[in-house]
Amino acid sequence: EYAGTNPCAEEPLPAGGSCLLGSLNLSEFVVGKSFDAAEFRRAVRCAVIALNEVLDEGLPLHPLREQQKSVRDWRQIGLGIFGLADMLIKMEVRYGSEDAIDICNEIGFIMADEAIKTSAGLAKCIATYPNYKPGVIERSNYFLFNTTKETKELVYQYGLRNSQLLTIAPTGTLSTML
């Protein structure tokens, strides 16, 4: 018996795994020459909630029980981005420059923190994902370095609704189409 994942996959999944993907257009958060962090946080929150609603709606539509069980047990979603280069052009920041790297780090932190905070809020209202193991999450360097104190406290108290939240998928075609 064999199980594997696409070696070029954006997000490794368990056997039978399935993940919903969604992307936010970074260039749409530029106002003047500045990035609107507050509006981006709001959009991340809305997108995480929406992806969870789509996950729930689509759960019984997976053709194999193994897929349905995996989706139910892990609740994987993959919110990502596109339009990074367009955002930097609007901000008049050279791609690859120190300023660009700093901006990307700030955006990445905001996105991770807000997605995790929203998932904790969903866990509070609904439940954690069935395979949630608090100690594993709470010791994760990714979690420790990409969340605010407030978000950490929410996760410690309520857990998470999703085992995975963010995925940066290839979006060239999506970007061109939009």
N, C-alpha and C. Protein backbone atom coordinates (compact mmCIF):
# COMPACT_ATOMS: atom_id res chain seq x y z
N GLU A 1 0.85 -1.18 0.00
CA GLU A 1 0.00 0.00 0.00
C GLU A 1 0.89 1.23 0.00
N TYR A 2 0.56 2.19 -0.86
CA TYR A 2 1.36 3.40 -0.98
C TYR A 2 0.50 4.63 -0.75
N ALA A 3 1.12 5.63 -0.17
CA ALA A 3 0.47 6.93 -0.03
C ALA A 3 1.55 7.97 -0.28
N GLY A 4 1.20 9.04 -0.93
CA GLY A 4 2.20 10.06 -1.23
C GLY A 4 1.56 11.39 -1.47
N THR A 5 2.39 12.35 -1.76
CA THR A 5 1.90 13.68 -2.07
C THR A 5 2.61 14.16 -3.32
N ASN A 6 2.01 15.05 -4.03
CA ASN A 6 2.63 15.65 -5.19
C ASN A 6 3.92 16.33 -4.72
N PRO A 7 5.06 15.98 -5.25
CA PRO A 7 6.32 16.57 -4.76
C PRO A 7 6.42 18.08 -5.01
N CYS A 8 5.57 18.61 -5.87
CA CYS A 8 5.56 20.06 -6.10
C CYS A 8 4.37 20.73 -5.42
N ALA A 9 3.72 20.03 -4.53
CA ALA A 9 2.53 20.56 -3.87
C ALA A 9 2.89 21.75 -2.99
N GLU A 10 1.95 22.69 -2.91
CA GLU A 10 2.14 23.86 -2.06
C GLU A 10 2.03 23.48 -0.60
N GLU A 11 1.26 22.44 -0.32
CA GLU A 11 0.96 22.04 1.05
C GLU A 11 0.91 20.53 1.14
N PRO A 12 1.83 19.92 1.86
CA PRO A 12 1.76 18.45 2.02
C PRO A 12 0.48 18.06 2.74
N LEU A 13 -0.18 17.05 2.24
CA LEU A 13 -1.44 16.59 2.81
C LEU A 13 -1.34 15.12 3.19
N PRO A 14 -2.13 14.69 4.15
CA PRO A 14 -2.17 13.26 4.45
C PRO A 14 -2.86 12.51 3.32
N ALA A 15 -2.74 11.19 3.32
CA ALA A 15 -3.42 10.39 2.31
C ALA A 15 -4.91 10.74 2.34
N GLY A 16 -5.48 10.98 1.18
CA GLY A 16 -6.88 11.35 1.10
C GLY A 16 -7.14 12.81 1.41
N GLY A 17 -6.09 13.56 1.65
CA GLY A 17 -6.24 14.96 2.04
C GLY A 17 -6.72 15.84 0.91
N SER A 18 -7.35 16.92 1.30
CA SER A 18 -7.85 17.91 0.36
C SER A 18 -7.74 19.26 1.03
N CYS A 19 -7.42 20.29 0.26
CA CYS A 19 -7.26 21.61 0.85
C CYS A 19 -7.90 22.65 -0.06
N LEU A 20 -8.65 23.54 0.56
CA LEU A 20 -9.25 24.66 -0.16
C LEU A 20 -8.25 25.79 -0.24
N LEU A 21 -8.09 26.36 -1.40
CA LEU A 21 -7.16 27.46 -1.57
C LEU A 21 -7.90 28.75 -1.90
N GLY A 22 -7.36 29.84 -1.43
CA GLY A 22 -7.87 31.17 -1.76
C GLY A 22 -6.72 32.15 -1.71
N SER A 23 -6.80 33.22 -2.45
CA SER A 23 -5.71 34.19 -2.51
C SER A 23 -6.23 35.62 -2.40
N LEU A 24 -5.45 36.46 -1.73
CA LEU A 24 -5.74 37.89 -1.63
C LEU A 24 -4.79 38.66 -2.52
N ASN A 25 -5.31 39.65 -3.24
CA ASN A 25 -4.52 40.46 -4.16
C ASN A 25 -3.87 41.60 -3.37
N LEU A 26 -2.58 41.49 -3.10
CA LEU A 26 -1.87 42.49 -2.30
C LEU A 26 -1.92 43.89 -2.91
N SER A 27 -1.94 43.98 -4.21
CA SER A 27 -1.92 45.31 -4.84
C SER A 27 -3.17 46.12 -4.52
N GLU A 28 -4.24 45.44 -4.15
CA GLU A 28 -5.49 46.13 -3.83
C GLU A 28 -5.47 46.78 -2.44
N PHE A 29 -4.43 46.53 -1.66
CA PHE A 29 -4.35 47.10 -0.32
C PHE A 29 -3.42 48.31 -0.27
N VAL A 30 -2.98 48.76 -1.43
CA VAL A 30 -2.13 49.94 -1.49
C VAL A 30 -3.02 51.18 -1.63
N VAL A 31 -2.82 52.10 -0.70
CA VAL A 31 -3.54 53.38 -0.71
C VAL A 31 -2.48 54.46 -0.80
N GLY A 32 -2.51 55.25 -1.87
CA GLY A 32 -1.41 56.18 -2.12
C GLY A 32 -0.17 55.35 -2.41
N LYS A 33 0.80 55.44 -1.53
CA LYS A 33 2.01 54.61 -1.65
C LYS A 33 2.23 53.77 -0.40
N SER A 34 1.15 53.59 0.38
CA SER A 34 1.25 52.84 1.64
C SER A 34 0.36 51.61 1.61
N PHE A 35 0.75 50.61 2.37
CA PHE A 35 -0.02 49.38 2.49
C PHE A 35 -1.01 49.54 3.64
N ASP A 36 -2.29 49.29 3.38
CA ASP A 36 -3.34 49.43 4.38
C ASP A 36 -3.43 48.14 5.20
N ALA A 37 -2.66 48.09 6.29
CA ALA A 37 -2.56 46.89 7.12
C ALA A 37 -3.89 46.55 7.79
N ALA A 38 -4.63 47.56 8.23
CA ALA A 38 -5.91 47.31 8.90
C ALA A 38 -6.91 46.64 7.95
N GLU A 39 -6.98 47.13 6.73
CA GLU A 39 -7.90 46.54 5.74
C GLU A 39 -7.44 45.14 5.36
N PHE A 40 -6.12 44.94 5.29
CA PHE A 40 -5.59 43.61 4.99
C PHE A 40 -5.97 42.63 6.10
N ARG A 41 -5.83 43.03 7.36
CA ARG A 41 -6.24 42.18 8.49
C ARG A 41 -7.71 41.79 8.36
N ARG A 42 -8.55 42.77 8.03
CA ARG A 42 -9.98 42.50 7.88
C ARG A 42 -10.22 41.49 6.76
N ALA A 43 -9.51 41.64 5.66
CA ALA A 43 -9.68 40.72 4.53
C ALA A 43 -9.21 39.31 4.88
N VAL A 44 -8.10 39.21 5.61
CA VAL A 44 -7.61 37.88 6.04
C VAL A 44 -8.68 37.22 6.92
N ARG A 45 -9.20 37.97 7.87
CA ARG A 45 -10.25 37.44 8.76
C ARG A 45 -11.45 36.94 7.94
N CYS A 46 -11.93 37.76 7.03
CA CYS A 46 -13.08 37.39 6.19
C CYS A 46 -12.78 36.16 5.35
N ALA A 47 -11.58 36.09 4.79
CA ALA A 47 -11.20 34.97 3.92
C ALA A 47 -11.10 33.66 4.70
N VAL A 48 -10.54 33.70 5.91
CA VAL A 48 -10.44 32.48 6.73
C VAL A 48 -11.84 31.98 7.08
N ILE A 49 -12.72 32.88 7.45
CA ILE A 49 -14.10 32.49 7.76
C ILE A 49 -14.78 31.91 6.51
N ALA A 50 -14.62 32.57 5.38
CA ALA A 50 -15.24 32.11 4.13
C ALA A 50 -14.70 30.74 3.71
N LEU A 51 -13.39 30.54 3.80
CA LEU A 51 -12.82 29.24 3.43
C LEU A 51 -13.35 28.14 4.35
N ASN A 52 -13.55 28.43 5.62
CA ASN A 52 -14.13 27.45 6.53
C ASN A 52 -15.58 27.13 6.17
N GLU A 53 -16.32 28.15 5.75
CA GLU A 53 -17.71 27.91 5.33
C GLU A 53 -17.76 27.05 4.07
N VAL A 54 -16.86 27.32 3.13
CA VAL A 54 -16.80 26.51 1.91
C VAL A 54 -16.39 25.08 2.26
N LEU A 55 -15.45 24.93 3.18
CA LEU A 55 -15.01 23.60 3.62
C LEU A 55 -16.21 22.82 4.17
N ASP A 56 -16.99 23.45 5.03
CA ASP A 56 -18.15 22.78 5.61
C ASP A 56 -19.18 22.41 4.54
N GLU A 57 -19.43 23.34 3.63
CA GLU A 57 -20.41 23.11 2.57
C GLU A 57 -19.97 21.97 1.64
N GLY A 58 -18.67 21.90 1.36
CA GLY A 58 -18.17 20.91 0.41
C GLY A 58 -17.80 19.57 1.01
N LEU A 59 -17.75 19.48 2.33
CA LEU A 59 -17.30 18.26 2.99
C LEU A 59 -18.02 17.01 2.50
N PRO A 60 -19.34 16.99 2.43
CA PRO A 60 -20.00 15.76 1.99
C PRO A 60 -19.89 15.50 0.48
N LEU A 61 -19.35 16.45 -0.26
CA LEU A 61 -19.25 16.30 -1.71
C LEU A 61 -17.99 15.58 -2.17
N HIS A 62 -17.05 15.34 -1.26
CA HIS A 62 -15.85 14.59 -1.64
C HIS A 62 -16.26 13.16 -1.98
N PRO A 63 -15.73 12.62 -3.08
CA PRO A 63 -16.23 11.32 -3.56
C PRO A 63 -15.82 10.13 -2.68
N LEU A 64 -14.73 10.23 -1.95
CA LEU A 64 -14.26 9.09 -1.14
C LEU A 64 -14.44 9.38 0.35
N ARG A 65 -14.85 8.37 1.10
CA ARG A 65 -14.99 8.54 2.56
C ARG A 65 -13.66 8.92 3.20
N GLU A 66 -12.58 8.38 2.65
CA GLU A 66 -11.24 8.72 3.17
C GLU A 66 -11.00 10.23 3.05
N GLN A 67 -11.42 10.81 1.95
CA GLN A 67 -11.28 12.26 1.78
C GLN A 67 -12.18 13.01 2.75
N GLN A 68 -13.41 12.59 2.90
CA GLN A 68 -14.33 13.25 3.82
C GLN A 68 -13.78 13.22 5.25
N LYS A 69 -13.25 12.06 5.65
CA LYS A 69 -12.70 11.92 6.99
C LYS A 69 -11.48 12.82 7.18
N SER A 70 -10.60 12.85 6.19
CA SER A 70 -9.41 13.69 6.28
C SER A 70 -9.77 15.17 6.38
N VAL A 71 -10.70 15.61 5.54
CA VAL A 71 -11.12 17.01 5.57
C VAL A 71 -11.74 17.35 6.92
N ARG A 72 -12.59 16.47 7.42
CA ARG A 72 -13.24 16.70 8.72
C ARG A 72 -12.21 16.71 9.86
N ASP A 73 -11.27 15.78 9.85
CA ASP A 73 -10.32 15.63 10.96
C ASP A 73 -9.23 16.70 10.99
N TRP A 74 -8.85 17.22 9.81
CA TRP A 74 -7.73 18.18 9.75
C TRP A 74 -8.15 19.60 9.40
N ARG A 75 -9.25 19.78 8.70
CA ARG A 75 -9.79 21.10 8.34
C ARG A 75 -8.70 22.02 7.76
N GLN A 76 -8.07 21.55 6.70
CA GLN A 76 -6.99 22.31 6.07
C GLN A 76 -7.54 23.34 5.09
N ILE A 77 -7.10 24.57 5.27
CA ILE A 77 -7.38 25.61 4.29
C ILE A 77 -6.05 26.24 3.91
N GLY A 78 -6.02 26.91 2.78
CA GLY A 78 -4.77 27.51 2.31
C GLY A 78 -5.00 28.91 1.76
N LEU A 79 -4.97 29.89 2.64
CA LEU A 79 -5.09 31.28 2.19
C LEU A 79 -3.72 31.77 1.75
N GLY A 80 -3.67 32.35 0.57
CA GLY A 80 -2.41 32.85 0.04
C GLY A 80 -2.54 34.26 -0.51
N ILE A 81 -1.55 34.64 -1.27
CA ILE A 81 -1.48 36.00 -1.83
C ILE A 81 -1.13 35.94 -3.31
N PHE A 82 -1.38 37.03 -3.99
CA PHE A 82 -0.82 37.29 -5.32
C PHE A 82 -0.73 38.79 -5.47
N GLY A 83 -0.13 39.25 -6.54
CA GLY A 83 -0.02 40.68 -6.79
C GLY A 83 1.10 41.37 -6.01
N LEU A 84 2.08 40.60 -5.55
CA LEU A 84 3.19 41.18 -4.79
C LEU A 84 3.96 42.19 -5.62
N ALA A 85 4.33 41.83 -6.82
CA ALA A 85 5.11 42.76 -7.66
C ALA A 85 4.30 44.02 -7.97
N ASP A 86 3.01 43.85 -8.27
CA ASP A 86 2.17 45.02 -8.53
C ASP A 86 2.06 45.91 -7.30
N MET A 87 1.97 45.31 -6.13
CA MET A 87 1.93 46.08 -4.89
C MET A 87 3.19 46.93 -4.75
N LEU A 88 4.33 46.31 -4.97
CA LEU A 88 5.60 47.03 -4.83
C LEU A 88 5.72 48.15 -5.88
N ILE A 89 5.23 47.91 -7.08
CA ILE A 89 5.25 48.95 -8.12
C ILE A 89 4.42 50.14 -7.66
N LYS A 90 3.21 49.88 -7.16
CA LYS A 90 2.36 50.96 -6.68
C LYS A 90 3.01 51.73 -5.53
N MET A 91 3.77 51.02 -4.69
CA MET A 91 4.41 51.65 -3.54
C MET A 91 5.76 52.29 -3.91
N GLU A 92 6.17 52.08 -5.17
CA GLU A 92 7.46 52.57 -5.67
C GLU A 92 8.64 52.02 -4.86
N VAL A 93 8.55 50.72 -4.60
CA VAL A 93 9.60 50.00 -3.87
C VAL A 93 10.19 48.97 -4.82
N ARG A 94 11.50 48.94 -4.93
CA ARG A 94 12.17 48.01 -5.84
C ARG A 94 12.05 46.58 -5.34
N TYR A 95 11.61 45.70 -6.22
CA TYR A 95 11.48 44.28 -5.89
C TYR A 95 12.84 43.74 -5.44
N GLY A 96 12.88 43.05 -4.31
CA GLY A 96 14.12 42.46 -3.81
C GLY A 96 14.94 43.38 -2.94
N SER A 97 14.57 44.65 -2.82
CA SER A 97 15.31 45.59 -1.99
C SER A 97 15.07 45.29 -0.50
N GLU A 98 15.88 45.89 0.35
CA GLU A 98 15.69 45.73 1.80
C GLU A 98 14.30 46.20 2.22
N ASP A 99 13.86 47.33 1.64
CA ASP A 99 12.51 47.83 1.95
C ASP A 99 11.44 46.81 1.55
N ALA A 100 11.60 46.20 0.38
CA ALA A 100 10.65 45.21 -0.09
C ALA A 100 10.62 44.00 0.85
N ILE A 101 11.79 43.58 1.28
CA ILE A 101 11.87 42.44 2.21
C ILE A 101 11.20 42.79 3.54
N ASP A 102 11.43 43.97 4.04
CA ASP A 102 10.80 44.40 5.29
C ASP A 102 9.28 44.45 5.15
N ILE A 103 8.80 44.96 4.02
CA ILE A 103 7.36 45.03 3.77
C ILE A 103 6.77 43.62 3.72
N CYS A 104 7.44 42.72 3.03
CA CYS A 104 6.96 41.34 2.92
C CYS A 104 6.93 40.66 4.29
N ASN A 105 7.96 40.91 5.10
CA ASN A 105 7.97 40.34 6.45
C ASN A 105 6.80 40.85 7.28
N GLU A 106 6.53 42.14 7.18
CA GLU A 106 5.42 42.73 7.92
C GLU A 106 4.08 42.15 7.46
N ILE A 107 3.90 42.05 6.16
CA ILE A 107 2.66 41.50 5.61
C ILE A 107 2.51 40.03 6.02
N GLY A 108 3.60 39.28 5.95
CA GLY A 108 3.56 37.87 6.35
C GLY A 108 3.17 37.69 7.81
N PHE A 109 3.72 38.53 8.67
CA PHE A 109 3.39 38.46 10.09
C PHE A 109 1.91 38.78 10.31
N ILE A 110 1.45 39.85 9.68
CA ILE A 110 0.04 40.23 9.82
C ILE A 110 -0.87 39.10 9.35
N MET A 111 -0.54 38.52 8.20
CA MET A 111 -1.38 37.46 7.63
C MET A 111 -1.42 36.24 8.55
N ALA A 112 -0.25 35.80 9.02
CA ALA A 112 -0.20 34.63 9.90
C ALA A 112 -0.94 34.91 11.21
N ASP A 113 -0.65 36.04 11.82
CA ASP A 113 -1.27 36.37 13.11
C ASP A 113 -2.78 36.44 12.98
N GLU A 114 -3.29 37.11 11.97
CA GLU A 114 -4.74 37.27 11.83
C GLU A 114 -5.42 35.96 11.47
N ALA A 115 -4.79 35.15 10.63
CA ALA A 115 -5.37 33.85 10.26
C ALA A 115 -5.44 32.94 11.49
N ILE A 116 -4.38 32.91 12.27
CA ILE A 116 -4.36 32.07 13.48
C ILE A 116 -5.37 32.59 14.49
N LYS A 117 -5.43 33.90 14.68
CA LYS A 117 -6.40 34.50 15.61
C LYS A 117 -7.83 34.15 15.18
N THR A 118 -8.11 34.25 13.90
CA THR A 118 -9.46 33.95 13.41
C THR A 118 -9.80 32.48 13.60
N SER A 119 -8.84 31.59 13.34
CA SER A 119 -9.07 30.16 13.54
C SER A 119 -9.32 29.86 15.02
N ALA A 120 -8.63 30.55 15.92
CA ALA A 120 -8.86 30.38 17.36
C ALA A 120 -10.27 30.86 17.72
N GLY A 121 -10.70 31.96 17.11
CA GLY A 121 -12.05 32.46 17.35
C GLY A 121 -13.11 31.48 16.87
N LEU A 122 -12.86 30.85 15.74
CA LEU A 122 -13.78 29.83 15.24
C LEU A 122 -13.80 28.61 16.16
N ALA A 123 -12.63 28.24 16.68
CA ALA A 123 -12.56 27.12 17.63
C ALA A 123 -13.36 27.44 18.88
N LYS A 124 -13.28 28.68 19.34
CA LYS A 124 -14.05 29.10 20.52
C LYS A 124 -15.55 28.94 20.27
N CYS A 125 -16.01 29.37 19.09
CA CYS A 125 -17.45 29.34 18.78
C CYS A 125 -17.95 27.97 18.37
N ILE A 126 -17.09 27.16 17.73
CA ILE A 126 -17.55 25.89 17.16
C ILE A 126 -16.84 24.72 17.84
N ALA A 127 -15.56 24.56 17.55
CA ALA A 127 -14.73 23.49 18.13
C ALA A 127 -13.38 23.51 17.44
N THR A 128 -12.41 22.87 18.05
CA THR A 128 -11.12 22.69 17.39
C THR A 128 -11.29 21.62 16.31
N TYR A 129 -10.31 21.52 15.42
CA TYR A 129 -10.36 20.42 14.47
C TYR A 129 -10.14 19.13 15.27
N PRO A 130 -10.76 18.02 14.87
CA PRO A 130 -10.73 16.80 15.68
C PRO A 130 -9.33 16.29 16.05
N ASN A 131 -8.34 16.45 15.20
CA ASN A 131 -7.00 15.95 15.50
C ASN A 131 -6.11 16.97 16.20
N TYR A 132 -6.68 18.03 16.73
CA TYR A 132 -5.92 19.09 17.39
C TYR A 132 -5.15 18.55 18.60
N LYS A 133 -3.86 18.90 18.66
CA LYS A 133 -3.00 18.53 19.77
C LYS A 133 -2.32 19.80 20.27
N PRO A 134 -2.82 20.37 21.37
CA PRO A 134 -2.35 21.68 21.85
C PRO A 134 -0.83 21.79 22.00
N GLY A 135 -0.20 20.82 22.59
CA GLY A 135 1.24 20.90 22.83
C GLY A 135 2.06 21.04 21.56
N VAL A 136 1.62 20.39 20.51
CA VAL A 136 2.35 20.45 19.23
C VAL A 136 2.31 21.87 18.68
N ILE A 137 1.14 22.47 18.68
CA ILE A 137 0.99 23.83 18.16
C ILE A 137 1.75 24.82 19.03
N GLU A 138 1.57 24.74 20.31
CA GLU A 138 2.13 25.73 21.24
C GLU A 138 3.66 25.71 21.29
N ARG A 139 4.28 24.63 20.83
CA ARG A 139 5.74 24.56 20.79
C ARG A 139 6.31 24.86 19.40
N SER A 140 5.44 25.06 18.45
CA SER A 140 5.87 25.31 17.08
C SER A 140 6.56 26.67 16.97
N ASN A 141 7.76 26.69 16.41
CA ASN A 141 8.46 27.96 16.21
C ASN A 141 7.67 28.89 15.30
N TYR A 142 7.01 28.33 14.31
CA TYR A 142 6.20 29.17 13.41
C TYR A 142 5.14 29.91 14.22
N PHE A 143 4.43 29.19 15.07
CA PHE A 143 3.41 29.79 15.92
C PHE A 143 4.03 30.82 16.87
N LEU A 144 5.12 30.46 17.50
CA LEU A 144 5.73 31.35 18.50
C LEU A 144 6.24 32.65 17.90
N PHE A 145 6.78 32.60 16.68
CA PHE A 145 7.40 33.79 16.08
C PHE A 145 6.48 34.59 15.15
N ASN A 146 5.28 34.09 14.90
CA ASN A 146 4.39 34.76 13.94
C ASN A 146 3.03 35.13 14.54
N THR A 147 2.99 35.30 15.85
CA THR A 147 1.75 35.68 16.51
C THR A 147 2.02 36.72 17.59
N THR A 148 1.02 37.53 17.84
CA THR A 148 1.08 38.49 18.94
C THR A 148 0.72 37.78 20.24
N LYS A 149 0.96 38.46 21.34
CA LYS A 149 0.62 37.90 22.65
C LYS A 149 -0.88 37.60 22.72
N GLU A 150 -1.69 38.50 22.20
CA GLU A 150 -3.15 38.31 22.21
C GLU A 150 -3.55 37.03 21.47
N THR A 151 -2.96 36.82 20.30
CA THR A 151 -3.28 35.63 19.51
C THR A 151 -2.82 34.37 20.23
N LYS A 152 -1.62 34.39 20.79
CA LYS A 152 -1.13 33.23 21.54
C LYS A 152 -2.10 32.87 22.66
N GLU A 153 -2.57 33.86 23.39
CA GLU A 153 -3.49 33.61 24.51
C GLU A 153 -4.80 33.00 24.02
N LEU A 154 -5.31 33.45 22.89
CA LEU A 154 -6.53 32.88 22.33
C LEU A 154 -6.33 31.41 21.96
N VAL A 155 -5.19 31.11 21.36
CA VAL A 155 -4.91 29.72 20.96
C VAL A 155 -4.73 28.85 22.21
N TYR A 156 -4.01 29.33 23.21
CA TYR A 156 -3.84 28.57 24.45
C TYR A 156 -5.19 28.26 25.08
N GLN A 157 -6.11 29.20 25.01
CA GLN A 157 -7.41 29.04 25.65
C GLN A 157 -8.40 28.21 24.83
N TYR A 158 -8.44 28.43 23.50
CA TYR A 158 -9.49 27.82 22.69
C TYR A 158 -9.01 26.82 21.65
N GLY A 159 -7.72 26.80 21.33
CA GLY A 159 -7.22 25.93 20.28
C GLY A 159 -7.41 26.53 18.91
N LEU A 160 -7.38 25.70 17.89
CA LEU A 160 -7.51 26.14 16.50
C LEU A 160 -8.58 25.33 15.78
N ARG A 161 -9.25 25.95 14.86
CA ARG A 161 -10.27 25.30 14.04
C ARG A 161 -9.64 24.58 12.85
N ASN A 162 -8.44 24.99 12.45
CA ASN A 162 -7.80 24.46 11.24
C ASN A 162 -6.38 23.99 11.54
N SER A 163 -5.99 22.87 10.95
CA SER A 163 -4.62 22.40 11.13
C SER A 163 -3.65 23.18 10.25
N GLN A 164 -4.10 23.67 9.13
CA GLN A 164 -3.29 24.48 8.24
C GLN A 164 -4.12 25.67 7.78
N LEU A 165 -3.48 26.81 7.64
CA LEU A 165 -4.21 28.03 7.32
C LEU A 165 -3.69 28.75 6.09
N LEU A 166 -2.39 28.77 5.88
CA LEU A 166 -1.80 29.58 4.82
C LEU A 166 -1.04 28.71 3.83
N THR A 167 -1.16 29.06 2.57
CA THR A 167 -0.42 28.37 1.51
C THR A 167 -0.20 29.38 0.39
N ILE A 168 1.03 29.50 -0.04
CA ILE A 168 1.31 30.38 -1.18
C ILE A 168 1.38 29.51 -2.43
N ALA A 169 0.27 29.47 -3.14
CA ALA A 169 0.18 28.66 -4.35
C ALA A 169 0.64 29.47 -5.55
N PRO A 170 1.07 28.80 -6.62
CA PRO A 170 1.39 29.54 -7.85
C PRO A 170 0.13 30.25 -8.35
N THR A 171 0.24 31.54 -8.60
CA THR A 171 -0.95 32.31 -8.98
C THR A 171 -0.75 33.11 -10.25
N GLY A 172 0.19 32.71 -11.07
CA GLY A 172 0.45 33.45 -12.30
C GLY A 172 -0.77 33.54 -13.20
N THR A 173 -1.45 32.42 -13.42
CA THR A 173 -2.63 32.42 -14.27
C THR A 173 -3.75 33.22 -13.63
N LEU A 174 -3.95 33.02 -12.34
CA LEU A 174 -4.96 33.77 -11.60
C LEU A 174 -4.69 35.27 -11.69
N SER A 175 -3.45 35.64 -11.47
CA SER A 175 -3.07 37.06 -11.53
C SER A 175 -3.33 37.65 -12.91
N THR A 176 -2.95 36.92 -13.93
CA THR A 176 -3.14 37.40 -15.31
C THR A 176 -4.62 37.53 -15.62
N MET A 177 -5.39 36.55 -15.20
CA MET A 177 -6.83 36.56 -15.47
C MET A 177 -7.51 37.75 -14.79
N LEU A 178 -7.15 37.99 -13.53
CA LEU A 178 -7.78 39.08 -12.80
C LEU A 178 -7.22 40.43 -13.22
